[in-house]
């Protein structure tokens, strides 16, 4: 890795120090270890960018390893979604691994620990074990089974594996005895996690990969470091809540480590929480199950699949992760920074098109009836090589209702009676009169156009300066579209920050508005996730519900941050 003119974050400093101490560069290997019990969210996106980014920077392989040790909550659907999300973000993993790949090896090692007197089968209930663990200020008490004969523990552990005993819940209701395997460490340790932690529990659940082969499953702390070791991961990066686990991670490695191999190193970095979101999988699942959202990929969700469906781009998310960086202290990042990154990327790549979302009819009274023109329109001024399309123009158009005022103040530079504006890519028009319904609502605006003022024609009239330019679509040619306008799902910047208040109390009742709009006909052929800038309105993308017969667009982000202005009022 070239470090010239580049300041290193503390994670990179750790790696550089290890390289200086003799770790061969070709022994570097990283991993991203999701648990397949839900969809990945924006917090995972940062961890993905960290680990795979290190792989790119150091030309080192990165494993995608599924921590599939709890079949009660894990599903193949989540495995597939995680793989799809990582690939969509633009990363390639070296090996696709699963903790379940190592179930037999983990079991064999556990047997060795029992033989060495470093693990034992405990036959107490979970409540009894919890009480005997003590508190942070009071030492724990040894289990009455802590000195159980080694042979007896070996026999019970094998019978646990063979399914001869019930799960804890079943044992409670049927008044039967059940067992767990615990490591024998130190019940007086100041680190509660070191007080004889559970290594295995009985779970008679079908596993998405191993089926019913196993009736016992390893706990995360036992499987985590050992999986890293088996894969020869050099650096295992976790979020800060795993800092107390590091001592146990190292203790377990001590029991099986071969000095001829790479010893994994766990180090921790802080979560970067995002405002106006929740990232707890439990809470995200609650939103889905209680129908507050339409699913894991609802565009209001903080999941990667939700952000993808909303129209966020991989480049924008990677840039966001790079911008917020890595820290040792937990921070709250304003979601407007993520939206800025999305807006910045879409500005470069999204074609400009015209759409009207709150239409009012505009009639050009001196334009010939039945006539139509196809006018040249620029696709994206940010393109290195400019490209163009043709848009149809006719006598009757739709414009945005807010772009007309019958009586306007001096700073209103759009269409009014007696003033001129330019129709984007078309002509200069002048407001003449209006038609209203019985309630006084304007239903039609009548105007005249300057025949010689066509954009790009080179005439003197086309060069005339008017104060406003507005967008439009030809009624005759426009395509009706369903437009889903999304806002932030929560009104509070930390919806789950107060334990006394249910986070769902902060759900924004206006987080979704579904409206009918009209778009230029070029969008008929648009495909799912195609991005567009609806000129003067914001960035939108094609939703997966869209068809040629019924176009559906999701609003990705506005042209500017309007939320900040609202929150200041």
Protein backbone atom coordinates (compact mmCIF):
# COMPACT_ATOMS: atom_id res chain seq x y z
CA UNK A 1 0.00 0.00 0.00
CA UNK A 2 1.32 3.42 -0.92
CA UNK A 3 1.08 5.72 2.07
CA UNK A 4 2.74 8.75 0.44
CA UNK A 5 0.74 11.95 0.99
CA UNK A 6 -1.98 9.90 2.64
CA UNK A 7 -2.83 9.97 6.32
CA UNK A 8 -3.70 6.57 7.73
CA UNK A 9 -6.71 5.85 9.91
CA UNK A 10 -6.10 3.89 13.08
CA UNK A 11 -7.13 0.60 11.43
CA UNK A 12 -4.54 1.09 8.69
CA UNK A 13 -1.98 2.05 11.32
CA UNK A 14 -2.57 -1.30 13.06
CA UNK A 15 -1.99 -3.16 9.80
CA UNK A 16 1.11 -1.13 8.96
CA UNK A 17 2.58 -1.84 12.42
CA UNK A 18 1.99 -5.58 11.98
CA UNK A 19 3.70 -5.49 8.59
CA UNK A 20 6.68 -3.68 10.13
CA UNK A 21 6.84 -6.37 12.83
CA UNK A 22 7.24 -9.09 10.23
CA UNK A 23 3.76 -10.14 9.09
CA UNK A 24 4.23 -11.01 5.40
CA UNK A 25 2.07 -8.95 3.07
CA UNK A 26 0.79 -12.10 1.40
CA UNK A 27 -0.58 -13.26 4.76
CA UNK A 28 -3.01 -10.37 4.98
CA UNK A 29 -6.60 -11.56 4.73
CA UNK A 30 -9.79 -9.81 5.83
CA UNK A 31 -13.41 -10.85 6.14
CA UNK A 32 -16.96 -9.51 6.30
CA UNK A 33 -18.97 -11.81 8.63
CA UNK A 34 -22.73 -11.08 8.50
CA UNK A 35 -25.30 -13.16 10.35
CA UNK A 36 -28.00 -14.22 7.85
CA UNK A 37 -30.93 -13.23 10.08
CA UNK A 38 -32.03 -10.11 8.20
CA UNK A 39 -31.17 -7.74 5.40
CA UNK A 40 -28.01 -5.65 5.51
CA UNK A 41 -28.39 -1.98 6.43
CA UNK A 42 -26.39 1.22 6.04
CA UNK A 43 -24.19 0.33 9.03
CA UNK A 44 -23.21 -2.90 7.33
CA UNK A 45 -22.44 -0.90 4.18
CA UNK A 46 -19.75 0.98 6.11
CA UNK A 47 -18.27 -2.28 7.41
CA UNK A 48 -18.33 -3.77 3.91
CA UNK A 49 -16.55 -0.73 2.50
CA UNK A 50 -13.98 -0.90 5.31
CA UNK A 51 -13.06 -4.56 4.91
CA UNK A 52 -13.25 -4.78 1.12
CA UNK A 53 -11.57 -1.38 0.86
CA UNK A 54 -8.65 -2.71 2.90
CA UNK A 55 -8.52 -5.68 0.58
CA UNK A 56 -8.23 -3.38 -2.43
CA UNK A 57 -5.68 -1.09 -0.78
CA UNK A 58 -3.42 -3.95 0.31
CA UNK A 59 -4.16 -6.26 -2.62
CA UNK A 60 -5.33 -8.82 -0.06
CA UNK A 61 -8.19 -11.34 -0.29
CA UNK A 62 -11.45 -10.76 1.59
CA UNK A 63 -13.76 -13.57 2.63
CA UNK A 64 -17.52 -13.31 2.82
CA UNK A 65 -18.34 -15.48 5.82
CA UNK A 66 -21.85 -16.13 7.06
CA UNK A 67 -22.11 -16.50 10.83
CA UNK A 68 -24.88 -19.08 10.54
CA UNK A 69 -24.85 -20.49 14.08
CA UNK A 70 -28.49 -19.80 15.00
CA UNK A 71 -30.91 -21.71 12.76
CA UNK A 72 -33.88 -20.34 14.74
CA UNK A 73 -33.45 -16.95 13.04
CA UNK A 74 -31.53 -17.59 9.83
CA UNK A 75 -32.85 -18.20 6.34
CA UNK A 76 -31.48 -18.80 2.85
CA UNK A 77 -33.40 -15.69 1.72
CA UNK A 78 -31.11 -13.56 3.87
CA UNK A 79 -27.98 -15.30 2.55
CA UNK A 80 -29.02 -14.54 -1.03
CA UNK A 81 -29.89 -10.93 -0.18
CA UNK A 82 -26.53 -10.36 1.52
CA UNK A 83 -24.58 -11.73 -1.45
CA UNK A 84 -26.63 -9.56 -3.79
CA UNK A 85 -25.99 -6.44 -1.68
CA UNK A 86 -22.22 -6.94 -1.41
CA UNK A 87 -21.92 -7.54 -5.15
CA UNK A 88 -24.13 -4.54 -5.93
CA UNK A 89 -21.86 -2.31 -3.85
CA UNK A 90 -19.13 -3.28 -6.29
CA UNK A 91 -17.05 -5.75 -4.27
CA UNK A 92 -15.84 -9.27 -5.01
CA UNK A 93 -15.08 -11.73 -2.25
CA UNK A 94 -12.32 -14.30 -2.46
CA UNK A 95 -14.06 -17.17 -0.68
CA UNK A 96 -17.68 -17.66 0.29
CA UNK A 97 -17.53 -19.27 3.72
CA UNK A 98 -19.95 -20.32 6.44
CA UNK A 99 -19.45 -20.97 10.12
CA UNK A 100 -21.44 -24.14 9.44
CA UNK A 101 -18.52 -25.30 7.25
CA UNK A 102 -16.62 -25.72 10.51
CA UNK A 103 -19.24 -27.35 12.75
CA UNK A 104 -17.38 -30.67 12.91
CA UNK A 105 -14.00 -29.04 13.59
CA UNK A 106 -15.52 -26.79 16.26
CA UNK A 107 -17.12 -29.83 17.88
CA UNK A 108 -13.84 -31.75 17.81
CA UNK A 109 -12.00 -28.84 19.39
CA UNK A 110 -14.68 -28.58 22.06
CA UNK A 111 -14.15 -32.25 22.88
CA UNK A 112 -10.41 -31.57 23.27
CA UNK A 113 -11.17 -28.70 25.66
CA UNK A 114 -13.27 -31.04 27.79
CA UNK A 115 -10.44 -33.60 27.83
CA UNK A 116 -8.03 -30.87 28.99
CA UNK A 117 -10.37 -29.86 31.78
CA UNK A 118 -11.08 -26.51 30.14
CA UNK A 119 -14.75 -27.08 29.39
CA UNK A 120 -17.60 -28.89 31.10
CA UNK A 121 -21.26 -29.74 30.64
CA UNK A 122 -23.49 -27.69 32.94
CA UNK A 123 -26.96 -29.02 33.75
CA UNK A 124 -28.39 -25.89 35.34
CA UNK A 125 -31.16 -23.77 33.90
CA UNK A 126 -30.29 -20.53 32.12
CA UNK A 127 -31.78 -18.59 35.04
CA UNK A 128 -29.52 -20.37 37.54
CA UNK A 129 -26.47 -19.79 35.38
CA UNK A 130 -27.30 -16.09 35.06
CA UNK A 131 -27.64 -15.67 38.83
CA UNK A 132 -24.38 -17.51 39.53
CA UNK A 133 -22.49 -15.31 37.06
CA UNK A 134 -22.72 -12.47 39.55
CA UNK A 135 -22.61 -8.80 38.60
CA UNK A 136 -19.89 -6.37 37.43
CA UNK A 137 -19.25 -5.52 41.09
CA UNK A 138 -19.76 -9.00 42.56
CA UNK A 139 -17.82 -12.14 41.62
CA UNK A 140 -19.63 -15.11 40.22
CA UNK A 141 -20.14 -18.45 41.94
CA UNK A 142 -18.88 -21.74 40.54
CA UNK A 143 -21.48 -24.02 39.02
CA UNK A 144 -22.09 -27.21 41.05
CA UNK A 145 -21.20 -29.02 37.79
CA UNK A 146 -17.93 -27.15 37.20
CA UNK A 147 -15.85 -30.08 38.50
CA UNK A 148 -17.96 -32.73 36.83
CA UNK A 149 -15.76 -35.71 35.83
CA UNK A 150 -14.28 -35.28 32.38
CA UNK A 151 -15.65 -38.59 31.14
CA UNK A 152 -19.14 -37.66 32.30
CA UNK A 153 -18.98 -34.33 30.44
CA UNK A 154 -17.70 -36.10 27.31
CA UNK A 155 -20.59 -38.57 27.47
CA UNK A 156 -23.21 -35.86 28.02
CA UNK A 157 -21.78 -33.66 25.27
CA UNK A 158 -21.95 -36.50 22.76
CA UNK A 159 -25.51 -37.27 23.81
CA UNK A 160 -26.36 -33.57 23.42
CA UNK A 161 -25.06 -33.81 19.85
CA UNK A 162 -27.09 -36.93 19.24
CA UNK A 163 -30.33 -35.20 20.25
CA UNK A 164 -31.03 -37.15 23.47
CA UNK A 165 -31.90 -34.01 25.48
CA UNK A 166 -34.52 -31.30 24.97
CA UNK A 167 -33.98 -27.62 24.24
CA UNK A 168 -34.11 -25.28 27.21
CA UNK A 169 -37.68 -24.10 26.54
CA UNK A 170 -38.97 -27.64 26.06
CA UNK A 171 -37.14 -28.77 29.20
CA UNK A 172 -38.76 -25.97 31.22
CA UNK A 173 -42.32 -26.78 30.17
CA UNK A 174 -41.89 -30.54 30.40
CA UNK A 175 -39.85 -30.43 33.60
CA UNK A 176 -36.92 -32.22 32.00
CA UNK A 177 -33.21 -31.67 32.38
CA UNK A 178 -31.19 -30.04 29.65
CA UNK A 179 -27.53 -29.12 29.30
CA UNK A 180 -25.07 -26.61 27.88
CA UNK A 181 -21.32 -26.75 27.36
CA UNK A 182 -19.36 -24.05 29.16
CA UNK A 183 -15.70 -23.04 29.00
CA UNK A 184 -13.93 -23.26 32.36
CA UNK A 185 -12.15 -19.92 32.72
CA UNK A 186 -12.60 -17.66 35.76
CA UNK A 187 -15.83 -16.98 37.65
CA UNK A 188 -14.21 -14.04 39.46
CA UNK A 189 -12.99 -12.27 36.31
CA UNK A 190 -13.76 -8.56 36.08
CA UNK A 191 -14.91 -9.27 32.52
CA UNK A 192 -18.33 -10.90 32.84
CA UNK A 193 -17.83 -12.62 29.47
CA UNK A 194 -14.94 -14.60 30.93
CA UNK A 195 -17.07 -16.15 33.67
CA UNK A 196 -17.38 -19.62 32.16
CA UNK A 197 -19.16 -18.60 28.95
CA UNK A 198 -21.51 -20.98 27.18
CA UNK A 199 -19.95 -22.60 24.13
CA UNK A 200 -22.83 -24.81 22.95
CA UNK A 201 -26.57 -24.94 23.46
CA UNK A 202 -29.15 -27.45 22.27
CA UNK A 203 -31.26 -26.25 19.33
CA UNK A 204 -33.36 -28.82 17.52
CA UNK A 205 -33.95 -26.68 14.46
CA UNK A 206 -33.32 -27.43 10.81
CA UNK A 207 -30.35 -25.47 9.51
CA UNK A 208 -30.54 -23.84 6.06
CA UNK A 209 -27.35 -25.65 5.01
CA UNK A 210 -26.82 -28.65 7.28
CA UNK A 211 -30.47 -29.65 7.64
CA UNK A 212 -31.02 -31.75 10.76
CA UNK A 213 -27.44 -33.01 11.05
CA UNK A 214 -26.85 -31.09 14.28
CA UNK A 215 -28.84 -30.73 17.49
CA UNK A 216 -26.28 -28.44 19.13
CA UNK A 217 -24.92 -25.17 17.81
CA UNK A 218 -21.85 -23.15 18.79
CA UNK A 219 -22.23 -19.73 20.38
CA UNK A 220 -20.91 -16.70 18.49
CA UNK A 221 -17.87 -16.20 20.71
CA UNK A 222 -16.70 -19.77 20.20
CA UNK A 223 -17.35 -19.82 16.46
CA UNK A 224 -16.07 -16.33 15.65
CA UNK A 225 -12.36 -16.49 16.44
CA UNK A 226 -12.03 -20.13 15.49
CA UNK A 227 -13.59 -19.44 12.09
CA UNK A 228 -11.15 -16.56 11.62
CA UNK A 229 -8.32 -18.94 12.50
CA UNK A 230 -9.47 -21.68 10.14
CA UNK A 231 -9.69 -19.17 7.30
CA UNK A 232 -6.35 -17.62 8.34
CA UNK A 233 -7.84 -14.16 8.68
CA UNK A 234 -5.09 -11.76 9.74
CA UNK A 235 -7.27 -8.93 11.04
CA UNK A 236 -10.80 -9.34 12.35
CA UNK A 237 -12.48 -5.93 12.59
CA UNK A 238 -15.61 -5.55 14.70
CA UNK A 239 -17.71 -2.71 16.06
CA UNK A 240 -16.99 -1.35 19.54
CA UNK A 241 -19.59 -3.41 21.38
CA UNK A 242 -17.31 -6.41 20.77
CA UNK A 243 -14.38 -4.84 22.62
CA UNK A 244 -15.19 -6.78 25.85
CA UNK A 245 -15.30 -9.95 23.73
CA UNK A 246 -11.69 -9.56 22.63
CA UNK A 247 -10.31 -11.18 25.79
CA UNK A 248 -12.50 -14.24 25.22
CA UNK A 249 -11.63 -14.24 21.50
CA UNK A 250 -7.96 -14.49 22.47
CA UNK A 251 -8.55 -17.11 25.21
CA UNK A 252 -10.31 -19.44 22.78
CA UNK A 253 -7.51 -18.96 20.22
CA UNK A 254 -4.93 -19.78 22.89
CA UNK A 255 -6.47 -23.23 23.25
CA UNK A 256 -6.04 -24.29 19.62
CA UNK A 257 -3.35 -21.99 18.17
CA UNK A 258 -0.47 -23.48 16.15
CA UNK A 259 2.45 -21.04 16.04
CA UNK A 260 3.24 -22.00 12.46
CA UNK A 261 0.00 -20.35 11.32
CA UNK A 262 -1.33 -16.80 11.26
CA UNK A 263 -2.99 -15.81 14.51
CA UNK A 264 -6.02 -13.56 13.88
CA UNK A 265 -6.18 -10.24 15.68
CA UNK A 266 -9.52 -8.72 16.69
CA UNK A 267 -9.70 -4.93 16.75
CA UNK A 268 -12.69 -2.63 17.10
CA UNK A 269 -14.02 0.53 15.49
CA UNK A 270 -16.99 2.73 16.40
CA UNK A 271 -20.42 2.54 14.83
CA UNK A 272 -21.35 5.55 12.73
CA UNK A 273 -25.06 5.95 13.48
CA UNK A 274 -27.23 7.67 10.89
CA UNK A 275 -29.84 10.23 11.91
CA UNK A 276 -33.57 9.64 11.33
CA UNK A 277 -33.05 5.87 10.99
CA UNK A 278 -32.92 2.67 12.99
CA UNK A 279 -30.45 -0.09 12.13
CA UNK A 280 -31.37 -2.72 14.70
CA UNK A 281 -32.36 -5.84 12.76
CA UNK A 282 -34.97 -6.57 15.42
CA UNK A 283 -36.55 -3.15 14.93
CA UNK A 284 -36.30 -3.32 11.16
CA UNK A 285 -38.05 -6.71 11.28
CA UNK A 286 -40.72 -5.16 13.51
CA UNK A 287 -41.35 -2.45 10.92
CA UNK A 288 -41.77 -5.13 8.26
CA UNK A 289 -43.93 -7.52 10.27
CA UNK A 290 -46.20 -4.77 11.57
CA UNK A 291 -46.67 -3.40 8.03
CA UNK A 292 -45.27 0.05 8.75
CA UNK A 293 -43.33 -0.51 5.52
CA UNK A 294 -43.95 -2.77 2.55
CA UNK A 295 -40.92 -5.00 3.09
CA UNK A 296 -37.18 -5.15 3.71
CA UNK A 297 -36.60 -3.28 0.44
CA UNK A 298 -39.10 -0.51 1.11
CA UNK A 299 -37.32 2.64 -0.13
CA UNK A 300 -37.79 4.27 3.29
CA UNK A 301 -35.81 1.53 5.04
CA UNK A 302 -32.15 1.91 5.99
CA UNK A 303 -31.41 -1.46 4.36
CA UNK A 304 -29.06 -1.63 1.40
CA UNK A 305 -31.85 -3.19 -0.66
CA UNK A 306 -34.16 -0.33 0.35
CA UNK A 307 -31.59 2.28 -0.62
CA UNK A 308 -30.99 0.50 -3.93
CA UNK A 309 -34.71 0.46 -4.73
CA UNK A 310 -34.99 4.14 -3.81
CA UNK A 311 -32.33 4.92 -6.37
CA UNK A 312 -29.18 5.36 -4.30
CA UNK A 313 -26.09 4.32 -6.23
CA UNK A 314 -23.22 2.06 -5.11
CA UNK A 315 -20.75 4.87 -5.82
CA UNK A 316 -22.70 7.26 -3.58
CA UNK A 317 -22.76 4.79 -0.68
CA UNK A 318 -19.06 4.02 -1.08
CA UNK A 319 -18.28 7.73 -1.13
CA UNK A 320 -20.41 8.24 1.98
CA UNK A 321 -18.51 5.49 3.81
CA UNK A 322 -15.21 7.04 2.74
CA UNK A 323 -16.33 10.52 3.81
CA UNK A 324 -17.42 9.57 7.34
CA UNK A 325 -14.30 7.43 7.76
CA UNK A 326 -13.37 5.20 10.70
CA UNK A 327 -13.27 6.34 14.32
CA UNK A 328 -12.86 5.04 17.86
CA UNK A 329 -15.84 6.97 19.20
CA UNK A 330 -19.49 6.50 18.23
CA UNK A 331 -20.92 9.38 16.23
CA UNK A 332 -24.31 10.42 14.88
CA UNK A 333 -24.01 11.27 11.20
CA UNK A 334 -26.70 13.49 9.71
CA UNK A 335 -28.56 11.63 6.97
CA UNK A 336 -28.30 14.78 4.85
CA UNK A 337 -24.63 13.87 4.27
CA UNK A 338 -25.68 10.57 2.71
CA UNK A 339 -28.27 12.41 0.62
CA UNK A 340 -25.59 14.86 -0.48
CA UNK A 341 -23.39 11.98 -1.67
CA UNK A 342 -26.35 10.51 -3.59
CA UNK A 343 -27.21 13.88 -5.13
CA UNK A 344 -23.59 14.49 -6.12
CA UNK A 345 -23.31 11.14 -7.93
CA UNK A 346 -26.68 11.35 -9.65
CA UNK A 347 -25.89 14.84 -10.89
CA UNK A 348 -23.07 13.28 -12.93
CA UNK A 349 -24.93 10.29 -14.34
CA UNK A 350 -28.69 10.94 -14.40
CA UNK A 351 -30.23 12.05 -17.71
CA UNK A 352 -32.37 15.18 -17.48
CA UNK A 353 -35.98 14.64 -18.49
CA UNK A 354 -39.24 16.52 -18.08
CA UNK A 355 -42.08 15.43 -15.83
CA UNK A 356 -45.01 17.29 -14.31
CA UNK A 357 -46.24 16.07 -10.94
CA UNK A 358 -48.97 18.63 -10.12
CA UNK A 359 -50.35 19.43 -13.57
CA UNK A 360 -52.43 22.31 -14.82
CA UNK A 361 -53.36 22.63 -18.47
CA UNK A 362 -51.62 25.27 -20.58
CA UNK A 363 -53.09 26.18 -23.98
CA UNK A 364 -50.99 28.14 -26.51
CA UNK A 365 -53.83 29.89 -28.31
CA UNK A 366 -51.81 31.07 -31.33
CA UNK A 367 -50.11 27.69 -31.93
CA UNK A 368 -51.75 25.84 -34.81
CA UNK A 369 -54.21 23.13 -33.78
CA UNK A 370 -53.07 19.65 -34.76
CA UNK A 371 -49.45 20.72 -35.20
CA UNK A 372 -46.63 18.98 -33.35
CA UNK A 373 -42.87 19.47 -33.26
CA UNK A 374 -40.02 17.38 -31.98
CA UNK A 375 -37.55 19.58 -30.19
CA UNK A 376 -33.92 18.83 -29.36
CA UNK A 377 -33.16 18.52 -25.65
CA UNK A 378 -29.83 18.00 -23.91
CA UNK A 379 -29.59 14.79 -21.86
CA UNK A 380 -27.02 15.81 -19.25
CA UNK A 381 -24.84 18.93 -19.25
CA UNK A 382 -22.32 17.03 -17.06
CA UNK A 383 -21.49 14.58 -19.85
CA UNK A 384 -18.03 14.84 -21.41
CA UNK A 385 -19.59 14.28 -24.81
CA UNK A 386 -23.03 15.85 -24.91
CA UNK A 387 -25.92 13.75 -26.17
CA UNK A 388 -29.42 14.81 -27.11
CA UNK A 389 -32.94 13.44 -27.46
CA UNK A 390 -36.11 14.73 -29.05
CA UNK A 391 -39.20 15.71 -27.08
CA UNK A 392 -42.63 16.36 -28.60
CA UNK A 393 -44.26 19.79 -28.43
CA UNK A 394 -47.87 20.70 -29.17
CA UNK A 395 -50.57 23.29 -28.57
CA UNK A 396 -51.69 21.90 -25.21
CA UNK A 397 -49.19 21.24 -22.44
CA UNK A 398 -49.07 20.41 -18.77
CA UNK A 399 -47.01 22.64 -16.49
CA UNK A 400 -46.59 22.55 -12.72
CA UNK A 401 -49.43 24.34 -10.95
CA UNK A 402 -46.92 26.16 -8.73
CA UNK A 403 -45.24 27.61 -11.83
CA UNK A 404 -48.21 29.94 -12.41
CA UNK A 405 -49.67 32.70 -10.28
CA UNK A 406 -52.53 34.85 -11.41
CA UNK A 407 -51.33 37.66 -9.17
CA UNK A 408 -47.65 37.34 -8.33
CA UNK A 409 -45.21 39.27 -6.19
CA UNK A 410 -42.13 40.91 -7.70
CA UNK A 411 -39.80 38.00 -6.91
CA UNK A 412 -41.96 35.41 -8.69
CA UNK A 413 -40.12 34.78 -11.96
CA UNK A 414 -42.34 32.09 -13.38
CA UNK A 415 -45.52 32.47 -15.43
CA UNK A 416 -48.08 35.18 -14.63
CA UNK A 417 -50.63 37.09 -16.64
CA UNK A 418 -48.89 39.64 -18.82
CA UNK A 419 -45.35 38.32 -18.27
CA UNK A 420 -43.09 36.06 -20.28
CA UNK A 421 -41.19 32.87 -19.44
CA UNK A 422 -39.35 30.37 -21.55
CA UNK A 423 -40.59 26.82 -21.91
CA UNK A 424 -37.51 24.63 -21.49
CA UNK A 425 -36.02 23.67 -24.89
CA UNK A 426 -38.97 25.38 -26.63
CA UNK A 427 -40.45 28.86 -26.95
CA UNK A 428 -41.05 32.04 -24.98
CA UNK A 429 -44.69 32.32 -23.92
CA UNK A 430 -46.79 35.08 -22.38
CA UNK A 431 -49.69 34.55 -19.96
CA UNK A 432 -52.97 35.96 -21.30
CA UNK A 433 -55.95 34.56 -19.34
CA UNK A 434 -57.23 31.73 -17.16
CA UNK A 435 -60.24 29.43 -16.99
CA UNK A 436 -61.63 28.52 -13.56
CA UNK A 437 -64.12 25.98 -12.25
CA UNK A 438 -67.13 26.79 -10.06
CA UNK A 439 -64.88 26.80 -6.99
CA UNK A 440 -62.50 29.32 -8.42
CA UNK A 441 -59.73 26.80 -9.10
CA UNK A 442 -57.73 27.40 -12.25
CA UNK A 443 -58.29 24.60 -14.77
CA UNK A 444 -56.63 26.16 -17.83
CA UNK A 445 -54.05 28.84 -18.53
CA UNK A 446 -54.19 30.50 -21.92
CA UNK A 447 -51.06 32.02 -23.38
CA UNK A 448 -49.45 33.06 -26.63
CA UNK A 449 -46.01 32.18 -27.93
CA UNK A 450 -43.32 34.04 -29.81
CA UNK A 451 -43.04 32.09 -33.06
CA UNK A 452 -39.43 33.16 -33.65
CA UNK A 453 -38.17 32.39 -30.12
CA UNK A 454 -37.47 28.67 -30.53
CA UNK A 455 -34.52 27.58 -28.38
CA UNK A 456 -31.31 27.08 -30.33
CA UNK A 457 -32.70 28.50 -33.55
CA UNK A 458 -30.22 31.37 -33.55
CA UNK A 459 -32.81 34.07 -34.22
CA UNK A 460 -32.76 37.37 -32.41
CA UNK A 461 -36.00 36.41 -30.68
CA UNK A 462 -34.48 33.11 -29.44
CA UNK A 463 -31.72 35.11 -27.75
CA UNK A 464 -34.08 37.31 -25.80
CA UNK A 465 -33.58 37.10 -22.05
CA UNK A 466 -36.57 36.34 -19.86
CA UNK A 467 -36.40 35.91 -16.11
CA UNK A 468 -37.85 32.42 -15.80
CA UNK A 469 -37.67 29.00 -17.45
CA UNK A 470 -40.23 26.29 -16.67
CA UNK A 471 -40.60 22.65 -17.67
CA UNK A 472 -43.58 21.07 -19.36
CA UNK A 473 -44.88 17.98 -21.14
CA UNK A 474 -47.10 17.73 -24.20
CA UNK A 475 -50.55 16.47 -23.13
CA UNK A 476 -50.99 14.62 -26.41
CA UNK A 477 -47.74 12.70 -25.96
CA UNK A 478 -47.23 12.52 -22.18
CA UNK A 479 -47.31 9.22 -20.35
CA UNK A 480 -49.14 8.90 -17.07
CA UNK A 481 -46.97 7.65 -14.21
CA UNK A 482 -47.34 6.74 -10.57
CA UNK A 483 -44.80 8.70 -8.59
CA UNK A 484 -43.91 7.69 -5.03
CA UNK A 485 -42.53 10.65 -3.14
CA UNK A 486 -40.56 9.48 -0.12
CA UNK A 487 -39.50 11.40 2.95
CA UNK A 488 -37.59 10.29 6.03
CA UNK A 489 -39.24 7.41 7.84
CA UNK A 490 -38.76 9.03 11.26
CA UNK A 491 -39.30 12.61 12.38
CA UNK A 492 -36.75 12.39 15.21
CA UNK A 493 -33.02 12.28 14.49
CA UNK A 494 -32.57 9.49 17.08
CA UNK A 495 -35.85 7.54 17.02
CA UNK A 496 -34.54 4.78 19.28
CA UNK A 497 -32.45 7.06 21.49
CA UNK A 498 -34.94 7.17 24.37
CA UNK A 499 -35.65 3.80 25.99
CA UNK A 500 -38.79 5.24 27.59
CA UNK A 501 -40.38 6.00 24.21
CA UNK A 502 -41.26 3.39 21.57
CA UNK A 503 -39.26 4.24 18.47
CA UNK A 504 -42.40 3.75 16.37
CA UNK A 505 -43.89 6.85 18.01
CA UNK A 506 -41.59 8.84 15.74
CA UNK A 507 -42.72 7.28 12.46
CA UNK A 508 -43.34 10.05 9.95
CA UNK A 509 -47.00 9.84 8.81
CA UNK A 510 -46.01 11.69 5.63
CA UNK A 511 -43.06 9.49 4.71
CA UNK A 512 -44.82 8.37 1.52
CA UNK A 513 -47.09 10.22 -0.86
CA UNK A 514 -48.32 8.50 -4.02
CA UNK A 515 -49.27 10.90 -6.78
CA UNK A 516 -50.11 10.71 -10.46
CA UNK A 517 -47.83 12.65 -12.75
CA UNK A 518 -47.05 12.93 -16.44
CA UNK A 519 -43.67 12.26 -18.04
CA UNK A 520 -42.22 12.72 -21.49
CA UNK A 521 -42.64 9.67 -23.77
CA UNK A 522 -38.93 8.84 -23.87
CA UNK A 523 -39.36 7.28 -20.41
CA UNK A 524 -41.66 4.54 -21.69
CA UNK A 525 -38.68 2.27 -22.34
CA UNK A 526 -36.97 2.97 -19.00
CA UNK A 527 -35.89 -0.11 -17.04
CA UNK A 528 -35.90 -0.90 -13.33
CA UNK A 529 -33.41 1.28 -11.39
CA UNK A 530 -32.77 3.62 -14.32
CA UNK A 531 -32.02 7.05 -12.84
CA UNK A 532 -33.35 10.39 -14.04
CA UNK A 533 -33.39 13.98 -12.97
CA UNK A 534 -36.93 15.28 -13.35
CA UNK A 535 -35.86 18.81 -14.19
CA UNK A 536 -36.43 21.31 -11.37
CA UNK A 537 -38.04 18.57 -9.22
CA UNK A 538 -35.40 16.09 -8.07
CA UNK A 539 -33.88 12.70 -8.82
CA UNK A 540 -36.09 9.69 -9.48
CA UNK A 541 -35.64 6.06 -10.47
CA UNK A 542 -37.79 3.38 -12.02
CA UNK A 543 -39.36 1.06 -9.44
CA UNK A 544 -39.56 -2.70 -9.91
CA UNK A 545 -43.38 -2.40 -9.99
CA UNK A 546 -43.13 -0.38 -13.20
CA UNK A 547 -44.39 -1.77 -16.51
CA UNK A 548 -44.70 -0.35 -20.02
CA UNK A 549 -48.43 0.05 -19.34
CA UNK A 550 -48.01 1.60 -15.87
CA UNK A 551 -44.83 3.52 -15.18
CA UNK A 552 -43.79 3.78 -11.52
CA UNK A 553 -41.04 6.09 -10.26
CA UNK A 554 -39.53 6.51 -6.81
CA UNK A 555 -38.22 9.87 -5.67
CA UNK A 556 -34.61 9.31 -4.69
CA UNK A 557 -33.62 12.73 -3.37
CA UNK A 558 -34.44 16.35 -4.04
CA UNK A 559 -32.22 18.77 -5.91
CA UNK A 560 -31.31 20.39 -2.59
CA UNK A 561 -31.71 19.66 1.11
CA UNK A 562 -35.20 20.91 1.94
CA UNK A 563 -35.45 19.00 5.24
CA UNK A 564 -32.99 21.35 6.95
CA UNK A 565 -35.15 24.33 6.05
CA UNK A 566 -38.29 22.63 7.37
CA UNK A 567 -36.64 21.59 10.65
CA UNK A 568 -35.48 25.16 11.26
CA UNK A 569 -39.01 26.54 11.12
